Every structure is written in C-alpha cells, then in structure tokens.
C-alpha cells in the first residue's frame, strides 16, 4: 500500500492543513459565513496537491453552505464545480 504522504514535506504539511480546515468547517457548517473561508482554502489546497478524495467531500459541503444560507444561485454554481 502506497502512503499518500510520501513525497515533499510541503505536501505533508498541506495535507494536515487541509484536514484541519475541513474539520473546522464541519463544525460550523450550518453557519455559511464562518464555514466558507475555511472550505475555500481547503479546496484550493486539495486541488494544489491533487487530493481528489478530500475534494469530493468538501465540494458538496460548500454547496450545503449555500443551501443553509438560502442562496440558490450560488448552489447551482458550486454544484457545477463538482463535475
């Protein structure tokens, strides 16, 4: 089994940061104003390191923040990013 953390030390730090940002966003997911900046940064980092699995978890969460905030236009835009 290949370890996903083998490689650049910066990637190892990014994986830890992605997980921390995702965990915090999960705690405040019902408050879109709090969750959005953390999800946005985690999504950006996940794309940078190619962590598709974590990205597939965060993109629906990002759309969910728009559902809880009552912003249908934003839901559609964020949902399109999941394809």
N, C-alpha and C. Protein backbone atom coordinates (compact mmCIF):
# COMPACT_ATOMS: atom_id res chain seq x y z
N UNK A 1 0.85 -1.19 0.00
CA UNK A 1 0.00 0.00 0.00
C UNK A 1 0.89 1.24 0.00
N UNK A 2 0.62 2.10 -0.93
CA UNK A 2 1.42 3.32 -1.05
C UNK A 2 0.91 4.37 -0.07
N UNK A 3 1.84 4.98 0.64
CA UNK A 3 1.48 6.03 1.59
C UNK A 3 1.30 7.34 0.84
N UNK A 4 0.15 7.98 1.01
CA UNK A 4 -0.12 9.22 0.29
C UNK A 4 0.77 10.37 0.74
N UNK A 5 1.40 10.24 1.89
CA UNK A 5 2.22 11.33 2.43
C UNK A 5 3.68 11.25 2.02
N UNK A 6 4.05 10.19 1.34
CA UNK A 6 5.44 10.09 0.91
C UNK A 6 5.67 11.12 -0.19
N UNK A 7 6.71 11.87 -0.04
CA UNK A 7 6.99 12.90 -1.03
C UNK A 7 7.48 14.16 -0.36
N UNK A 8 7.13 15.25 -0.94
CA UNK A 8 7.56 16.56 -0.48
C UNK A 8 7.00 16.87 0.92
N UNK A 9 7.85 17.43 1.77
CA UNK A 9 7.42 17.80 3.12
C UNK A 9 6.32 18.85 3.07
N UNK A 10 6.39 19.74 2.10
CA UNK A 10 5.35 20.77 1.98
C UNK A 10 3.98 20.15 1.72
N UNK A 11 3.95 19.05 0.94
CA UNK A 11 2.69 18.37 0.70
C UNK A 11 2.17 17.75 2.00
N UNK A 12 3.05 17.22 2.80
CA UNK A 12 2.65 16.63 4.08
C UNK A 12 2.00 17.69 4.96
N UNK A 13 2.59 18.86 4.99
CA UNK A 13 2.03 19.97 5.78
C UNK A 13 0.69 20.40 5.20
N UNK A 14 0.59 20.43 3.88
CA UNK A 14 -0.67 20.82 3.23
C UNK A 14 -1.78 19.83 3.55
N UNK A 15 -1.47 18.53 3.55
CA UNK A 15 -2.48 17.52 3.89
C UNK A 15 -3.01 17.74 5.30
N UNK A 16 -2.11 18.03 6.23
CA UNK A 16 -2.53 18.29 7.60
C UNK A 16 -3.40 19.53 7.69
N UNK A 17 -3.01 20.56 6.98
CA UNK A 17 -3.78 21.81 6.98
C UNK A 17 -5.15 21.60 6.34
N UNK A 18 -5.20 20.84 5.25
CA UNK A 18 -6.47 20.54 4.59
C UNK A 18 -7.41 19.86 5.58
N UNK A 19 -6.90 18.89 6.30
CA UNK A 19 -7.73 18.15 7.24
C UNK A 19 -8.21 19.04 8.41
N UNK A 20 -7.33 19.92 8.87
CA UNK A 20 -7.71 20.83 9.96
C UNK A 20 -8.78 21.83 9.48
N UNK A 21 -8.59 22.38 8.31
CA UNK A 21 -9.56 23.34 7.76
C UNK A 21 -10.91 22.66 7.53
N UNK A 22 -10.87 21.43 7.02
CA UNK A 22 -12.10 20.68 6.77
C UNK A 22 -12.81 20.35 8.07
N UNK A 23 -12.06 19.98 9.08
CA UNK A 23 -12.66 19.65 10.38
C UNK A 23 -13.35 20.87 10.98
N UNK A 24 -12.70 22.02 10.92
CA UNK A 24 -13.32 23.22 11.48
C UNK A 24 -14.57 23.60 10.68
N UNK A 25 -14.47 23.54 9.35
CA UNK A 25 -15.63 23.86 8.52
C UNK A 25 -16.80 22.93 8.84
N UNK A 26 -16.50 21.66 9.14
CA UNK A 26 -17.54 20.72 9.51
C UNK A 26 -18.22 21.09 10.81
N UNK A 27 -17.48 21.68 11.71
CA UNK A 27 -18.06 22.10 12.99
C UNK A 27 -19.01 23.28 12.84
N UNK A 28 -18.72 24.15 11.90
CA UNK A 28 -19.53 25.37 11.74
C UNK A 28 -20.32 25.36 10.42
N UNK A 29 -20.57 24.18 9.87
CA UNK A 29 -21.18 24.04 8.54
C UNK A 29 -22.53 24.74 8.42
N UNK A 30 -23.26 24.86 9.51
CA UNK A 30 -24.57 25.50 9.45
C UNK A 30 -24.48 27.02 9.46
N UNK A 31 -23.29 27.56 9.64
CA UNK A 31 -23.08 29.00 9.58
C UNK A 31 -22.20 29.27 8.36
N UNK A 32 -22.84 29.58 7.24
CA UNK A 32 -22.13 29.75 5.98
C UNK A 32 -21.03 30.81 6.06
N UNK A 33 -21.30 31.87 6.79
CA UNK A 33 -20.33 32.95 6.89
C UNK A 33 -19.02 32.48 7.53
N UNK A 34 -19.11 31.59 8.50
CA UNK A 34 -17.91 31.05 9.15
C UNK A 34 -17.25 29.95 8.32
N UNK A 35 -18.06 29.09 7.73
CA UNK A 35 -17.52 27.90 7.06
C UNK A 35 -16.88 28.21 5.71
N UNK A 36 -17.42 29.15 4.97
CA UNK A 36 -16.95 29.39 3.60
C UNK A 36 -15.46 29.67 3.45
N UNK A 37 -14.87 30.55 4.25
CA UNK A 37 -13.44 30.82 4.04
C UNK A 37 -12.56 29.58 4.30
N UNK A 38 -12.96 28.77 5.27
CA UNK A 38 -12.18 27.57 5.58
C UNK A 38 -12.32 26.53 4.48
N UNK A 39 -13.54 26.37 3.98
CA UNK A 39 -13.75 25.43 2.88
C UNK A 39 -13.03 25.90 1.61
N UNK A 40 -13.08 27.19 1.34
CA UNK A 40 -12.42 27.72 0.14
C UNK A 40 -10.92 27.46 0.19
N UNK A 41 -10.31 27.70 1.34
CA UNK A 41 -8.86 27.47 1.45
C UNK A 41 -8.53 25.98 1.36
N UNK A 42 -9.34 25.15 2.00
CA UNK A 42 -9.11 23.70 1.95
C UNK A 42 -9.27 23.18 0.53
N UNK A 43 -10.26 23.67 -0.19
CA UNK A 43 -10.48 23.25 -1.58
C UNK A 43 -9.30 23.66 -2.45
N UNK A 44 -8.83 24.86 -2.26
CA UNK A 44 -7.67 25.35 -3.03
C UNK A 44 -6.44 24.48 -2.77
N UNK A 45 -6.19 24.16 -1.52
CA UNK A 45 -5.03 23.32 -1.18
C UNK A 45 -5.21 21.89 -1.70
N UNK A 46 -6.41 21.35 -1.59
CA UNK A 46 -6.67 19.99 -2.08
C UNK A 46 -6.44 19.91 -3.59
N UNK A 47 -6.86 20.93 -4.30
CA UNK A 47 -6.60 20.95 -5.75
C UNK A 47 -5.11 21.05 -6.04
N UNK A 48 -4.40 21.84 -5.24
CA UNK A 48 -2.97 22.03 -5.45
C UNK A 48 -2.17 20.74 -5.27
N UNK A 49 -2.57 19.91 -4.30
CA UNK A 49 -1.84 18.66 -4.06
C UNK A 49 -2.47 17.46 -4.76
N UNK A 50 -3.61 17.67 -5.42
CA UNK A 50 -4.25 16.58 -6.15
C UNK A 50 -5.01 15.60 -5.27
N UNK A 51 -5.51 16.07 -4.13
CA UNK A 51 -6.25 15.21 -3.20
C UNK A 51 -7.72 15.18 -3.62
N UNK A 52 -8.03 14.33 -4.59
CA UNK A 52 -9.37 14.28 -5.16
C UNK A 52 -10.40 13.73 -4.18
N UNK A 53 -10.00 12.81 -3.32
CA UNK A 53 -10.95 12.23 -2.37
C UNK A 53 -11.45 13.30 -1.41
N UNK A 54 -10.55 14.05 -0.81
CA UNK A 54 -10.96 15.11 0.12
C UNK A 54 -11.75 16.18 -0.62
N UNK A 55 -11.33 16.49 -1.82
CA UNK A 55 -12.03 17.48 -2.63
C UNK A 55 -13.47 17.03 -2.89
N UNK A 56 -13.66 15.73 -3.12
CA UNK A 56 -15.02 15.23 -3.36
C UNK A 56 -15.89 15.33 -2.12
N UNK A 57 -15.29 15.43 -0.95
CA UNK A 57 -16.05 15.60 0.28
C UNK A 57 -16.37 17.08 0.54
N UNK A 58 -15.45 17.95 0.19
CA UNK A 58 -15.61 19.37 0.51
C UNK A 58 -16.51 20.12 -0.45
N UNK A 59 -16.52 19.75 -1.71
CA UNK A 59 -17.35 20.47 -2.68
C UNK A 59 -18.85 20.37 -2.34
N UNK A 60 -19.37 19.19 -1.97
CA UNK A 60 -20.78 19.17 -1.53
C UNK A 60 -21.01 19.98 -0.26
N UNK A 61 -20.05 19.99 0.64
CA UNK A 61 -20.18 20.81 1.85
C UNK A 61 -20.28 22.27 1.49
N UNK A 62 -19.49 22.67 0.50
CA UNK A 62 -19.52 24.06 0.06
C UNK A 62 -20.91 24.40 -0.49
N UNK A 63 -21.49 23.50 -1.27
CA UNK A 63 -22.84 23.72 -1.79
C UNK A 63 -23.85 23.74 -0.65
N UNK A 64 -23.64 22.90 0.36
CA UNK A 64 -24.54 22.85 1.51
C UNK A 64 -24.57 24.18 2.26
N UNK A 65 -23.44 24.87 2.32
CA UNK A 65 -23.43 26.18 2.99
C UNK A 65 -24.37 27.15 2.29
N UNK A 66 -24.46 27.04 0.97
CA UNK A 66 -25.38 27.90 0.22
C UNK A 66 -26.82 27.50 0.47
N UNK A 67 -27.07 26.21 0.68
CA UNK A 67 -28.43 25.76 1.00
C UNK A 67 -28.85 26.35 2.33
N UNK A 68 -28.00 26.25 3.33
CA UNK A 68 -28.34 26.76 4.66
C UNK A 68 -28.46 28.29 4.67
N UNK A 69 -27.74 28.95 3.77
CA UNK A 69 -27.80 30.41 3.71
C UNK A 69 -28.95 30.89 2.81
N UNK A 70 -29.61 29.94 2.12
CA UNK A 70 -30.73 30.31 1.24
C UNK A 70 -30.31 31.04 0.00
N UNK A 71 -29.24 30.60 -0.63
CA UNK A 71 -28.71 31.25 -1.84
C UNK A 71 -28.73 30.27 -3.01
N UNK A 72 -29.87 30.13 -3.68
CA UNK A 72 -29.99 29.13 -4.74
C UNK A 72 -29.06 29.35 -5.93
N UNK A 73 -28.78 30.59 -6.27
CA UNK A 73 -27.87 30.86 -7.39
C UNK A 73 -26.47 30.34 -7.12
N UNK A 74 -26.05 30.47 -5.90
CA UNK A 74 -24.72 30.01 -5.52
C UNK A 74 -24.65 28.48 -5.49
N UNK A 75 -25.76 27.84 -5.11
CA UNK A 75 -25.80 26.37 -5.06
C UNK A 75 -25.53 25.81 -6.44
N UNK A 76 -26.19 26.37 -7.43
CA UNK A 76 -26.03 25.88 -8.82
C UNK A 76 -24.59 26.06 -9.29
N UNK A 77 -24.00 27.20 -8.99
CA UNK A 77 -22.61 27.47 -9.41
C UNK A 77 -21.65 26.50 -8.73
N UNK A 78 -21.83 26.26 -7.44
CA UNK A 78 -20.95 25.37 -6.71
C UNK A 78 -21.17 23.92 -7.12
N UNK A 79 -22.40 23.58 -7.42
CA UNK A 79 -22.70 22.22 -7.87
C UNK A 79 -22.04 21.92 -9.21
N UNK A 80 -21.93 22.93 -10.06
CA UNK A 80 -21.28 22.73 -11.36
C UNK A 80 -19.80 22.43 -11.19
N UNK A 81 -19.20 22.93 -10.12
CA UNK A 81 -17.78 22.68 -9.86
C UNK A 81 -17.49 21.25 -9.45
N UNK A 82 -18.52 20.48 -9.13
CA UNK A 82 -18.33 19.10 -8.72
C UNK A 82 -18.21 18.15 -9.89
N UNK A 83 -18.47 18.61 -11.08
CA UNK A 83 -18.40 17.74 -12.25
C UNK A 83 -17.00 17.57 -12.74
